[in-house]
Amino acid sequence: ITAALVFYAFEKRRRGLTDPRLWTLAGFALAFGAIGSRVTW
């Protein structure tokens, strides 16, 4: 997960994307991914 976030940060910078909402979306992805991974309970 750490490597993915570091890559995401570099890729966002490489593409010249400065919108802070992109980090909000990354947070949504992590949170819902963690929840979704446990629906097999």
PDB file of all heavy atoms in Angstrom:
ATOM      1  N   ILE A   1       0.834  -1.205   0.000  1.00  0.00           N
ATOM      2  CA  ILE A   1       0.000   0.000   0.000  1.00  0.00           C
ATOM      3  C   ILE A   1       0.870   1.257   0.000  1.00  0.00           C
ATOM      4  O   ILE A   1       0.593   2.225  -0.708  1.00  0.00           O
ATOM      5  CB  ILE A   1      -0.944   0.002   1.209  1.00  0.00           C
ATOM      6  CG1 ILE A   1      -1.990  -1.119   1.052  1.00  0.00           C
ATOM      7  CG2 ILE A   1      -1.636   1.353   1.368  1.00  0.00           C
ATOM      8  CD1 ILE A   1      -2.832  -1.341   2.274  1.00  0.00           C
ATOM      9  N   THR A   2       1.943   1.227   0.789  1.00  0.00           N
ATOM     10  CA  THR A   2       2.853   2.377   0.831  1.00  0.00           C
ATOM     11  C   THR A   2       3.485   2.626  -0.533  1.00  0.00           C
ATOM     12  O   THR A   2       3.562   3.763  -1.006  1.00  0.00           O
ATOM     13  CB  THR A   2       3.952   2.145   1.879  1.00  0.00           C
ATOM     14  OG1 THR A   2       3.355   1.965   3.166  1.00  0.00           O
ATOM     15  CG2 THR A   2       4.914   3.329   1.931  1.00  0.00           C
ATOM     16  N   ALA A   3       3.944   1.558  -1.178  1.00  0.00           N
ATOM     17  CA  ALA A   3       4.547   1.694  -2.510  1.00  0.00           C
ATOM     18  C   ALA A   3       3.536   2.241  -3.505  1.00  0.00           C
ATOM     19  O   ALA A   3       3.871   3.083  -4.352  1.00  0.00           O
ATOM     20  CB  ALA A   3       5.073   0.341  -2.984  1.00  0.00           C
ATOM     21  N   ALA A   4       2.286   1.803  -3.405  1.00  0.00           N
ATOM     22  CA  ALA A   4       1.251   2.284  -4.309  1.00  0.00           C
ATOM     23  C   ALA A   4       0.995   3.775  -4.107  1.00  0.00           C
ATOM     24  O   ALA A   4       0.839   4.531  -5.082  1.00  0.00           O
ATOM     25  CB  ALA A   4      -0.043   1.500  -4.083  1.00  0.00           C
ATOM     26  N   LEU A   5       0.965   4.221  -2.864  1.00  0.00           N
ATOM     27  CA  LEU A   5       0.728   5.642  -2.593  1.00  0.00           C
ATOM     28  C   LEU A   5       1.899   6.497  -3.066  1.00  0.00           C
ATOM     29  O   LEU A   5       1.699   7.607  -3.584  1.00  0.00           O
ATOM     30  CB  LEU A   5       0.495   5.851  -1.091  1.00  0.00           C
ATOM     31  CG  LEU A   5      -0.818   5.298  -0.543  1.00  0.00           C
ATOM     32  CD1 LEU A   5      -0.859   5.447   0.976  1.00  0.00           C
ATOM     33  CD2 LEU A   5      -2.009   6.018  -1.178  1.00  0.00           C
ATOM     34  N   VAL A   6       3.121   5.986  -2.897  1.00  0.00           N
ATOM     35  CA  VAL A   6       4.294   6.732  -3.381  1.00  0.00           C
ATOM     36  C   VAL A   6       4.249   6.846  -4.900  1.00  0.00           C
ATOM     37  O   VAL A   6       4.479   7.929  -5.467  1.00  0.00           O
ATOM     38  CB  VAL A   6       5.598   6.040  -2.925  1.00  0.00           C
ATOM     39  CG1 VAL A   6       6.805   6.664  -3.619  1.00  0.00           C
ATOM     40  CG2 VAL A   6       5.746   6.140  -1.411  1.00  0.00           C
ATOM     41  N   PHE A   7       3.931   5.734  -5.574  1.00  0.00           N
ATOM     42  CA  PHE A   7       3.823   5.781  -7.034  1.00  0.00           C
ATOM     43  C   PHE A   7       2.712   6.749  -7.452  1.00  0.00           C
ATOM     44  O   PHE A   7       2.887   7.527  -8.402  1.00  0.00           O
ATOM     45  CB  PHE A   7       3.531   4.398  -7.589  1.00  0.00           C
ATOM     46  CG  PHE A   7       3.254   4.406  -9.073  1.00  0.00           C
ATOM     47  CD1 PHE A   7       4.298   4.379  -9.983  1.00  0.00           C
ATOM     48  CD2 PHE A   7       1.949   4.502  -9.564  1.00  0.00           C
ATOM     49  CE1 PHE A   7       4.051   4.419 -11.347  1.00  0.00           C
ATOM     50  CE2 PHE A   7       1.700   4.540 -10.919  1.00  0.00           C
ATOM     51  CZ  PHE A   7       2.746   4.503 -11.822  1.00  0.00           C
ATOM     52  N   TYR A   8       1.584   6.691  -6.776  1.00  0.00           N
ATOM     53  CA  TYR A   8       0.451   7.578  -7.074  1.00  0.00           C
ATOM     54  C   TYR A   8       0.872   9.045  -6.959  1.00  0.00           C
ATOM     55  O   TYR A   8       0.530   9.879  -7.807  1.00  0.00           O
ATOM     56  CB  TYR A   8      -0.684   7.262  -6.112  1.00  0.00           C
ATOM     57  CG  TYR A   8      -1.959   8.031  -6.322  1.00  0.00           C
ATOM     58  CD1 TYR A   8      -2.873   7.666  -7.309  1.00  0.00           C
ATOM     59  CD2 TYR A   8      -2.277   9.120  -5.508  1.00  0.00           C
ATOM     60  CE1 TYR A   8      -4.055   8.361  -7.486  1.00  0.00           C
ATOM     61  CE2 TYR A   8      -3.457   9.821  -5.672  1.00  0.00           C
ATOM     62  CZ  TYR A   8      -4.347   9.443  -6.659  1.00  0.00           C
ATOM     63  OH  TYR A   8      -5.525  10.141  -6.831  1.00  0.00           O
ATOM     64  N   ALA A   9       1.657   9.361  -5.923  1.00  0.00           N
ATOM     65  CA  ALA A   9       2.116  10.739  -5.737  1.00  0.00           C
ATOM     66  C   ALA A   9       3.038  11.176  -6.871  1.00  0.00           C
ATOM     67  O   ALA A   9       2.904  12.284  -7.415  1.00  0.00           O
ATOM     68  CB  ALA A   9       2.842  10.862  -4.390  1.00  0.00           C
ATOM     69  N   PHE A  10       3.981  10.301  -7.247  1.00  0.00           N
ATOM     70  CA  PHE A  10       4.901  10.635  -8.336  1.00  0.00           C
ATOM     71  C   PHE A  10       4.155  10.746  -9.666  1.00  0.00           C
ATOM     72  O   PHE A  10       4.447  11.637 -10.477  1.00  0.00           O
ATOM     73  CB  PHE A  10       6.008   9.585  -8.441  1.00  0.00           C
ATOM     74  CG  PHE A  10       7.147   9.819  -7.499  1.00  0.00           C
ATOM     75  CD1 PHE A  10       7.284   9.072  -6.340  1.00  0.00           C
ATOM     76  CD2 PHE A  10       8.102  10.791  -7.769  1.00  0.00           C
ATOM     77  CE1 PHE A  10       8.337   9.292  -5.461  1.00  0.00           C
ATOM     78  CE2 PHE A  10       9.167  11.025  -6.903  1.00  0.00           C
ATOM     79  CZ  PHE A  10       9.284  10.272  -5.740  1.00  0.00           C
ATOM     80  N   GLU A  11       3.197   9.855  -9.893  1.00  0.00           N
ATOM     81  CA  GLU A  11       2.458   9.885 -11.151  1.00  0.00           C
ATOM     82  C   GLU A  11       1.583  11.132 -11.237  1.00  0.00           C
ATOM     83  O   GLU A  11       1.453  11.744 -12.303  1.00  0.00           O
ATOM     84  CB  GLU A  11       1.607   8.621 -11.283  1.00  0.00           C
ATOM     85  CG  GLU A  11       0.881   8.487 -12.604  1.00  0.00           C
ATOM     86  CD  GLU A  11       1.801   8.309 -13.794  1.00  0.00           C
ATOM     87  OE1 GLU A  11       3.033   8.216 -13.611  1.00  0.00           O
ATOM     88  OE2 GLU A  11       1.289   8.265 -14.939  1.00  0.00           O
ATOM     89  N   LYS A  12       0.990  11.503 -10.122  1.00  0.00           N
ATOM     90  CA  LYS A  12       0.184  12.730 -10.092  1.00  0.00           C
ATOM     91  C   LYS A  12       1.050  13.939 -10.419  1.00  0.00           C
ATOM     92  O   LYS A  12       0.650  14.825 -11.194  1.00  0.00           O
ATOM     93  CB  LYS A  12      -0.443  12.880  -8.704  1.00  0.00           C
ATOM     94  CG  LYS A  12      -1.461  14.008  -8.581  1.00  0.00           C
ATOM     95  CD  LYS A  12      -2.190  13.931  -7.263  1.00  0.00           C
ATOM     96  CE  LYS A  12      -1.338  14.396  -6.125  1.00  0.00           C
ATOM     97  NZ  LYS A  12      -1.125  15.862  -6.131  1.00  0.00           N
ATOM     98  N   ARG A  13       2.249  13.955  -9.866  1.00  0.00           N
ATOM     99  CA  ARG A  13       3.166  15.063 -10.126  1.00  0.00           C
ATOM    100  C   ARG A  13       3.647  15.040 -11.575  1.00  0.00           C
ATOM    101  O   ARG A  13       3.744  16.091 -12.218  1.00  0.00           O
ATOM    102  CB  ARG A  13       4.357  14.978  -9.175  1.00  0.00           C
ATOM    103  CG  ARG A  13       5.362  16.103  -9.346  1.00  0.00           C
ATOM    104  CD  ARG A  13       6.464  15.990  -8.309  1.00  0.00           C
ATOM    105  NE  ARG A  13       7.440  17.064  -8.454  1.00  0.00           N
ATOM    106  CZ  ARG A  13       8.508  17.205  -7.687  1.00  0.00           C
ATOM    107  NH1 ARG A  13       8.737  16.338  -6.702  1.00  0.00           N
ATOM    108  NH2 ARG A  13       9.351  18.201  -7.887  1.00  0.00           N
ATOM    109  N   ARG A  14       3.941  13.851 -12.079  1.00  0.00           N
ATOM    110  CA  ARG A  14       4.427  13.726 -13.461  1.00  0.00           C
ATOM    111  C   ARG A  14       3.394  14.233 -14.458  1.00  0.00           C
ATOM    112  O   ARG A  14       3.740  14.825 -15.487  1.00  0.00           O
ATOM    113  CB  ARG A  14       4.763  12.267 -13.763  1.00  0.00           C
ATOM    114  CG  ARG A  14       5.466  12.031 -15.093  1.00  0.00           C
ATOM    115  CD  ARG A  14       5.625  10.557 -15.364  1.00  0.00           C
ATOM    116  NE  ARG A  14       4.349   9.954 -15.724  1.00  0.00           N
ATOM    117  CZ  ARG A  14       3.880   9.888 -16.972  1.00  0.00           C
ATOM    118  NH1 ARG A  14       4.577  10.391 -17.980  1.00  0.00           N
ATOM    119  NH2 ARG A  14       2.727   9.320 -17.223  1.00  0.00           N
ATOM    120  N   ARG A  15       2.131  13.984 -14.156  1.00  0.00           N
ATOM    121  CA  ARG A  15       1.053  14.418 -15.040  1.00  0.00           C
ATOM    122  C   ARG A  15       0.664  15.881 -14.822  1.00  0.00           C
ATOM    123  O   ARG A  15      -0.222  16.392 -15.509  1.00  0.00           O
ATOM    124  CB  ARG A  15      -0.177  13.534 -14.837  1.00  0.00           C
ATOM    125  CG  ARG A  15       0.024  12.085 -15.284  1.00  0.00           C
ATOM    126  CD  ARG A  15      -1.150  11.211 -14.877  1.00  0.00           C
ATOM    127  NE  ARG A  15      -0.977   9.827 -15.300  1.00  0.00           N
ATOM    128  CZ  ARG A  15      -1.659   9.246 -16.290  1.00  0.00           C
ATOM    129  NH1 ARG A  15      -2.575   9.952 -16.949  1.00  0.00           N
ATOM    130  NH2 ARG A  15      -1.442   7.989 -16.608  1.00  0.00           N
ATOM    131  N   GLY A  16       1.297  16.526 -13.850  1.00  0.00           N
ATOM    132  CA  GLY A  16       1.000  17.926 -13.585  1.00  0.00           C
ATOM    133  C   GLY A  16      -0.356  18.138 -12.934  1.00  0.00           C
ATOM    134  O   GLY A  16      -0.969  19.209 -13.108  1.00  0.00           O
ATOM    135  N   LEU A  17      -0.826  17.163 -12.170  1.00  0.00           N
ATOM    136  CA  LEU A  17      -2.132  17.253 -11.517  1.00  0.00           C
ATOM    137  C   LEU A  17      -1.943  17.740 -10.087  1.00  0.00           C
ATOM    138  O   LEU A  17      -1.286  17.082  -9.276  1.00  0.00           O
ATOM    139  CB  LEU A  17      -2.822  15.886 -11.516  1.00  0.00           C
ATOM    140  CG  LEU A  17      -3.052  15.272 -12.901  1.00  0.00           C
ATOM    141  CD1 LEU A  17      -3.598  13.855 -12.773  1.00  0.00           C
ATOM    142  CD2 LEU A  17      -4.004  16.142 -13.714  1.00  0.00           C
ATOM    143  N   THR A  18      -2.510  18.886  -9.777  1.00  0.00           N
ATOM    144  CA  THR A  18      -2.313  19.487  -8.462  1.00  0.00           C
ATOM    145  C   THR A  18      -3.590  19.551  -7.630  1.00  0.00           C
ATOM    146  O   THR A  18      -3.569  20.053  -6.510  1.00  0.00           O
ATOM    147  CB  THR A  18      -1.762  20.921  -8.618  1.00  0.00           C
ATOM    148  OG1 THR A  18      -2.688  21.702  -9.404  1.00  0.00           O
ATOM    149  CG2 THR A  18      -0.403  20.907  -9.300  1.00  0.00           C
ATOM    150  N   ASP A  19      -4.677  19.058  -8.158  1.00  0.00           N
ATOM    151  CA  ASP A  19      -5.951  19.112  -7.444  1.00  0.00           C
ATOM    152  C   ASP A  19      -5.858  18.275  -6.158  1.00  0.00           C
ATOM    153  O   ASP A  19      -5.638  17.062  -6.215  1.00  0.00           O
ATOM    154  CB  ASP A  19      -7.072  18.572  -8.333  1.00  0.00           C
ATOM    155  CG  ASP A  19      -8.460  18.905  -7.797  1.00  0.00           C
ATOM    156  OD1 ASP A  19      -8.618  18.946  -6.560  1.00  0.00           O
ATOM    157  OD2 ASP A  19      -9.372  19.134  -8.611  1.00  0.00           O
ATOM    158  N   PRO A  20      -6.034  18.887  -4.979  1.00  0.00           N
ATOM    159  CA  PRO A  20      -5.920  18.133  -3.722  1.00  0.00           C
ATOM    160  C   PRO A  20      -7.006  17.069  -3.555  1.00  0.00           C
ATOM    161  O   PRO A  20      -6.868  16.163  -2.730  1.00  0.00           O
ATOM    162  CB  PRO A  20      -6.041  19.220  -2.650  1.00  0.00           C
ATOM    163  CG  PRO A  20      -6.767  20.348  -3.313  1.00  0.00           C
ATOM    164  CD  PRO A  20      -6.314  20.309  -4.750  1.00  0.00           C
ATOM    165  N   ARG A  21      -8.078  17.179  -4.345  1.00  0.00           N
ATOM    166  CA  ARG A  21      -9.147  16.185  -4.237  1.00  0.00           C
ATOM    167  C   ARG A  21      -8.680  14.794  -4.683  1.00  0.00           C
ATOM    168  O   ARG A  21      -9.311  13.794  -4.331  1.00  0.00           O
ATOM    169  CB  ARG A  21     -10.351  16.628  -5.069  1.00  0.00           C
ATOM    170  CG  ARG A  21     -11.056  17.868  -4.545  1.00  0.00           C
ATOM    171  CD  ARG A  21     -12.206  18.272  -5.446  1.00  0.00           C
ATOM    172  NE  ARG A  21     -11.732  18.651  -6.776  1.00  0.00           N
ATOM    173  CZ  ARG A  21     -12.542  18.968  -7.791  1.00  0.00           C
ATOM    174  NH1 ARG A  21     -13.857  18.930  -7.618  1.00  0.00           N
ATOM    175  NH2 ARG A  21     -12.033  19.314  -8.965  1.00  0.00           N
ATOM    176  N   LEU A  22      -7.594  14.730  -5.428  1.00  0.00           N
ATOM    177  CA  LEU A  22      -7.078  13.427  -5.850  1.00  0.00           C
ATOM    178  C   LEU A  22      -6.634  12.593  -4.649  1.00  0.00           C
ATOM    179  O   LEU A  22      -6.746  11.366  -4.660  1.00  0.00           O
ATOM    180  CB  LEU A  22      -5.923  13.613  -6.830  1.00  0.00           C
ATOM    181  CG  LEU A  22      -6.326  14.073  -8.240  1.00  0.00           C
ATOM    182  CD1 LEU A  22      -5.101  14.502  -9.034  1.00  0.00           C
ATOM    183  CD2 LEU A  22      -7.073  12.951  -8.964  1.00  0.00           C
ATOM    184  N   TRP A  23      -6.144  13.238  -3.600  1.00  0.00           N
ATOM    185  CA  TRP A  23      -5.779  12.494  -2.393  1.00  0.00           C
ATOM    186  C   TRP A  23      -7.018  12.039  -1.636  1.00  0.00           C
ATOM    187  O   TRP A  23      -7.006  10.979  -0.988  1.00  0.00           O
ATOM    188  CB  TRP A  23      -4.879  13.337  -1.496  1.00  0.00           C
ATOM    189  CG  TRP A  23      -3.469  13.389  -1.999  1.00  0.00           C
ATOM    190  CD1 TRP A  23      -2.791  14.467  -2.473  1.00  0.00           C
ATOM    191  CD2 TRP A  23      -2.558  12.287  -2.076  1.00  0.00           C
ATOM    192  NE1 TRP A  23      -1.516  14.115  -2.854  1.00  0.00           N
ATOM    193  CE2 TRP A  23      -1.349  12.783  -2.619  1.00  0.00           C
ATOM    194  CE3 TRP A  23      -2.641  10.934  -1.751  1.00  0.00           C
ATOM    195  CZ2 TRP A  23      -0.239  11.968  -2.834  1.00  0.00           C
ATOM    196  CZ3 TRP A  23      -1.540  10.115  -1.962  1.00  0.00           C
ATOM    197  CH2 TRP A  23      -0.355  10.630  -2.494  1.00  0.00           C
ATOM    198  N   THR A  24      -8.067  12.824  -1.726  1.00  0.00           N
ATOM    199  CA  THR A  24      -9.338  12.391  -1.118  1.00  0.00           C
ATOM    200  C   THR A  24      -9.830  11.114  -1.783  1.00  0.00           C
ATOM    201  O   THR A  24     -10.291  10.181  -1.118  1.00  0.00           O
ATOM    202  CB  THR A  24     -10.399  13.494  -1.254  1.00  0.00           C
ATOM    203  OG1 THR A  24      -9.917  14.691  -0.632  1.00  0.00           O
ATOM    204  CG2 THR A  24     -11.713  13.078  -0.615  1.00  0.00           C
ATOM    205  N   LEU A  25      -9.713  11.057  -3.112  1.00  0.00           N
ATOM    206  CA  LEU A  25     -10.130   9.864  -3.841  1.00  0.00           C
ATOM    207  C   LEU A  25      -9.267   8.661  -3.469  1.00  0.00           C
ATOM    208  O   LEU A  25      -9.777   7.536  -3.361  1.00  0.00           O
ATOM    209  CB  LEU A  25     -10.063  10.119  -5.344  1.00  0.00           C
ATOM    210  CG  LEU A  25     -11.047  11.160  -5.892  1.00  0.00           C
ATOM    211  CD1 LEU A  25     -10.847  11.346  -7.380  1.00  0.00           C
ATOM    212  CD2 LEU A  25     -12.488  10.742  -5.594  1.00  0.00           C
ATOM    213  N   ALA A  26      -7.974   8.889  -3.272  1.00  0.00           N
ATOM    214  CA  ALA A  26      -7.101   7.791  -2.844  1.00  0.00           C
ATOM    215  C   ALA A  26      -7.536   7.269  -1.475  1.00  0.00           C
ATOM    216  O   ALA A  26      -7.511   6.059  -1.224  1.00  0.00           O
ATOM    217  CB  ALA A  26      -5.650   8.262  -2.801  1.00  0.00           C
ATOM    218  N   GLY A  27      -7.942   8.182  -0.603  1.00  0.00           N
ATOM    219  CA  GLY A  27      -8.432   7.775   0.705  1.00  0.00           C
ATOM    220  C   GLY A  27      -9.707   6.957   0.603  1.00  0.00           C
ATOM    221  O   GLY A  27      -9.877   5.952   1.315  1.00  0.00           O
ATOM    222  N   PHE A  28     -10.623   7.355  -0.280  1.00  0.00           N
ATOM    223  CA  PHE A  28     -11.846   6.586  -0.502  1.00  0.00           C
ATOM    224  C   PHE A  28     -11.511   5.187  -1.012  1.00  0.00           C
ATOM    225  O   PHE A  28     -12.124   4.196  -0.593  1.00  0.00           O
ATOM    226  CB  PHE A  28     -12.744   7.308  -1.502  1.00  0.00           C
ATOM    227  CG  PHE A  28     -13.733   8.255  -0.871  1.00  0.00           C
ATOM    228  CD1 PHE A  28     -13.411   9.588  -0.685  1.00  0.00           C
ATOM    229  CD2 PHE A  28     -14.976   7.813  -0.466  1.00  0.00           C
ATOM    230  CE1 PHE A  28     -14.318  10.461  -0.103  1.00  0.00           C
ATOM    231  CE2 PHE A  28     -15.888   8.672   0.117  1.00  0.00           C
ATOM    232  CZ  PHE A  28     -15.557  10.016   0.302  1.00  0.00           C
ATOM    233  N   ALA A  29     -10.545   5.106  -1.932  1.00  0.00           N
ATOM    234  CA  ALA A  29     -10.159   3.806  -2.484  1.00  0.00           C
ATOM    235  C   ALA A  29      -9.614   2.889  -1.392  1.00  0.00           C
ATOM    236  O   ALA A  29      -9.979   1.703  -1.321  1.00  0.00           O
ATOM    237  CB  ALA A  29      -9.121   3.994  -3.585  1.00  0.00           C
ATOM    238  N   LEU A  30      -8.754   3.414  -0.530  1.00  0.00           N
ATOM    239  CA  LEU A  30      -8.180   2.607   0.538  1.00  0.00           C
ATOM    240  C   LEU A  30      -9.243   2.157   1.532  1.00  0.00           C
ATOM    241  O   LEU A  30      -9.296   0.980   1.925  1.00  0.00           O
ATOM    242  CB  LEU A  30      -7.089   3.392   1.262  1.00  0.00           C
ATOM    243  CG  LEU A  30      -5.771   3.595   0.520  1.00  0.00           C
ATOM    244  CD1 LEU A  30      -4.853   4.502   1.318  1.00  0.00           C
ATOM    245  CD2 LEU A  30      -5.098   2.254   0.280  1.00  0.00           C
ATOM    246  N   ALA A  31     -10.096   3.097   1.950  1.00  0.00           N
ATOM    247  CA  ALA A  31     -11.103   2.779   2.954  1.00  0.00           C
ATOM    248  C   ALA A  31     -12.098   1.746   2.449  1.00  0.00           C
ATOM    249  O   ALA A  31     -12.389   0.744   3.122  1.00  0.00           O
ATOM    250  CB  ALA A  31     -11.825   4.053   3.390  1.00  0.00           C
ATOM    251  N   PHE A  32     -12.635   1.963   1.257  1.00  0.00           N
ATOM    252  CA  PHE A  32     -13.642   1.041   0.734  1.00  0.00           C
ATOM    253  C   PHE A  32     -13.006  -0.269   0.275  1.00  0.00           C
ATOM    254  O   PHE A  32     -13.663  -1.310   0.288  1.00  0.00           O
ATOM    255  CB  PHE A  32     -14.410   1.703  -0.405  1.00  0.00           C
ATOM    256  CG  PHE A  32     -15.507   2.604   0.070  1.00  0.00           C
ATOM    257  CD1 PHE A  32     -15.222   3.878   0.537  1.00  0.00           C
ATOM    258  CD2 PHE A  32     -16.826   2.184   0.069  1.00  0.00           C
ATOM    259  CE1 PHE A  32     -16.226   4.714   0.996  1.00  0.00           C
ATOM    260  CE2 PHE A  32     -17.839   3.009   0.521  1.00  0.00           C
ATOM    261  CZ  PHE A  32     -17.539   4.282   0.993  1.00  0.00           C
ATOM    262  N   GLY A  33     -11.734  -0.210  -0.124  1.00  0.00           N
ATOM    263  CA  GLY A  33     -11.044  -1.449  -0.452  1.00  0.00           C
ATOM    264  C   GLY A  33     -10.872  -2.324   0.779  1.00  0.00           C
ATOM    265  O   GLY A  33     -11.056  -3.545   0.719  1.00  0.00           O
ATOM    266  N   ALA A  34     -10.533  -1.714   1.908  1.00  0.00           N
ATOM    267  CA  ALA A  34     -10.383  -2.469   3.151  1.00  0.00           C
ATOM    268  C   ALA A  34     -11.709  -3.072   3.591  1.00  0.00           C
ATOM    269  O   ALA A  34     -11.776  -4.225   4.027  1.00  0.00           O
ATOM    270  CB  ALA A  34      -9.828  -1.558   4.244  1.00  0.00           C
ATOM    271  N   ILE A  35     -12.779  -2.291   3.476  1.00  0.00           N
ATOM    272  CA  ILE A  35     -14.104  -2.791   3.855  1.00  0.00           C
ATOM    273  C   ILE A  35     -14.542  -3.902   2.908  1.00  0.00           C
ATOM    274  O   ILE A  35     -15.025  -4.953   3.334  1.00  0.00           O
ATOM    275  CB  ILE A  35     -15.128  -1.644   3.856  1.00  0.00           C
ATOM    276  CG1 ILE A  35     -14.778  -0.626   4.952  1.00  0.00           C
ATOM    277  CG2 ILE A  35     -16.545  -2.180   4.067  1.00  0.00           C
ATOM    278  CD1 ILE A  35     -15.590   0.646   4.892  1.00  0.00           C
ATOM    279  N   GLY A  36     -14.368  -3.662   1.608  1.00  0.00           N
ATOM    280  CA  GLY A  36     -14.794  -4.652   0.625  1.00  0.00           C
ATOM    281  C   GLY A  36     -14.074  -5.973   0.770  1.00  0.00           C
ATOM    282  O   GLY A  36     -14.665  -7.038   0.561  1.00  0.00           O
ATOM    283  N   SER A  37     -12.807  -5.927   1.145  1.00  0.00           N
ATOM    284  CA  SER A  37     -12.028  -7.161   1.248  1.00  0.00           C
ATOM    285  C   SER A  37     -12.530  -8.074   2.348  1.00  0.00           C
ATOM    286  O   SER A  37     -12.182  -9.262   2.388  1.00  0.00           O
ATOM    287  CB  SER A  37     -10.554  -6.837   1.488  1.00  0.00           C
ATOM    288  OG  SER A  37     -10.364  -6.268   2.775  1.00  0.00           O
ATOM    289  N   ARG A  38     -13.357  -7.543   3.239  1.00  0.00           N
ATOM    290  CA  ARG A  38     -13.832  -8.335   4.371  1.00  0.00           C
ATOM    291  C   ARG A  38     -15.298  -8.739   4.259  1.00  0.00           C
ATOM    292  O   ARG A  38     -15.876  -9.246   5.220  1.00  0.00           O
ATOM    293  CB  ARG A  38     -13.611  -7.552   5.665  1.00  0.00           C
ATOM    294  CG  ARG A  38     -12.127  -7.478   6.041  1.00  0.00           C
ATOM    295  CD  ARG A  38     -11.855  -6.361   7.024  1.00  0.00           C
ATOM    296  NE  ARG A  38     -10.483  -6.381   7.506  1.00  0.00           N
ATOM    297  CZ  ARG A  38      -9.447  -5.907   6.852  1.00  0.00           C
ATOM    298  NH1 ARG A  38      -9.607  -5.396   5.648  1.00  0.00           N
ATOM    299  NH2 ARG A  38      -8.235  -5.944   7.359  1.00  0.00           N
ATOM    300  N   VAL A  39     -15.905  -8.530   3.117  1.00  0.00           N
ATOM    301  CA  VAL A  39     -17.319  -8.878   2.975  1.00  0.00           C
ATOM    302  C   VAL A  39     -17.522 -10.381   2.864  1.00  0.00           C
ATOM    303  O   VAL A  39     -18.662 -10.855   2.826  1.00  0.00           O
ATOM    304  CB  VAL A  39     -17.954  -8.197   1.742  1.00  0.00           C
ATOM    305  CG1 VAL A  39     -17.894  -6.702   1.860  1.00  0.00           C
ATOM    306  CG2 VAL A  39     -17.280  -8.673   0.450  1.00  0.00           C
ATOM    307  N   THR A  40     -16.431 -11.144   2.810  1.00  0.00           N
ATOM    308  CA  THR A  40     -16.553 -12.600   2.741  1.00  0.00           C
ATOM    309  C   THR A  40     -16.750 -13.223   4.118  1.00  0.00           C
ATOM    310  O   THR A  40     -16.735 -14.438   4.254  1.00  0.00           O
ATOM    311  CB  THR A  40     -15.299 -13.213   2.098  1.00  0.00           C
ATOM    312  OG1 THR A  40     -14.145 -12.794   2.830  1.00  0.00           O
ATOM    313  CG2 THR A  40     -15.172 -12.781   0.648  1.00  0.00           C
ATOM    314  N   TRP A  41     -16.948 -12.403   5.130  1.00  0.00           N
ATOM    315  CA  TRP A  41     -17.150 -12.912   6.487  1.00  0.00           C
ATOM    316  C   TRP A  41     -18.305 -13.888   6.531  1.00  0.00           C
ATOM    317  O   TRP A  41     -19.392 -13.638   5.993  1.00  0.00           O
ATOM    318  CB  TRP A  41     -17.415 -11.739   7.430  1.00  0.00           C
ATOM    319  CG  TRP A  41     -17.731 -12.138   8.843  1.00  0.00           C
ATOM    320  CD1 TRP A  41     -17.077 -13.051   9.602  1.00  0.00           C
ATOM    321  CD2 TRP A  41     -18.771 -11.607   9.665  1.00  0.00           C
ATOM    322  NE1 TRP A  41     -17.629 -13.133  10.859  1.00  0.00           N
ATOM    323  CE2 TRP A  41     -18.674 -12.251  10.928  1.00  0.00           C
ATOM    324  CE3 TRP A  41     -19.749 -10.652   9.482  1.00  0.00           C
ATOM    325  CZ2 TRP A  41     -19.527 -11.971  11.981  1.00  0.00           C
ATOM    326  CZ3 TRP A  41     -20.612 -10.355  10.529  1.00  0.00           C
ATOM    327  CH2 TRP A  41     -20.503 -11.013  11.755  1.00  0.00           C
TER     328      TRP A  41
END
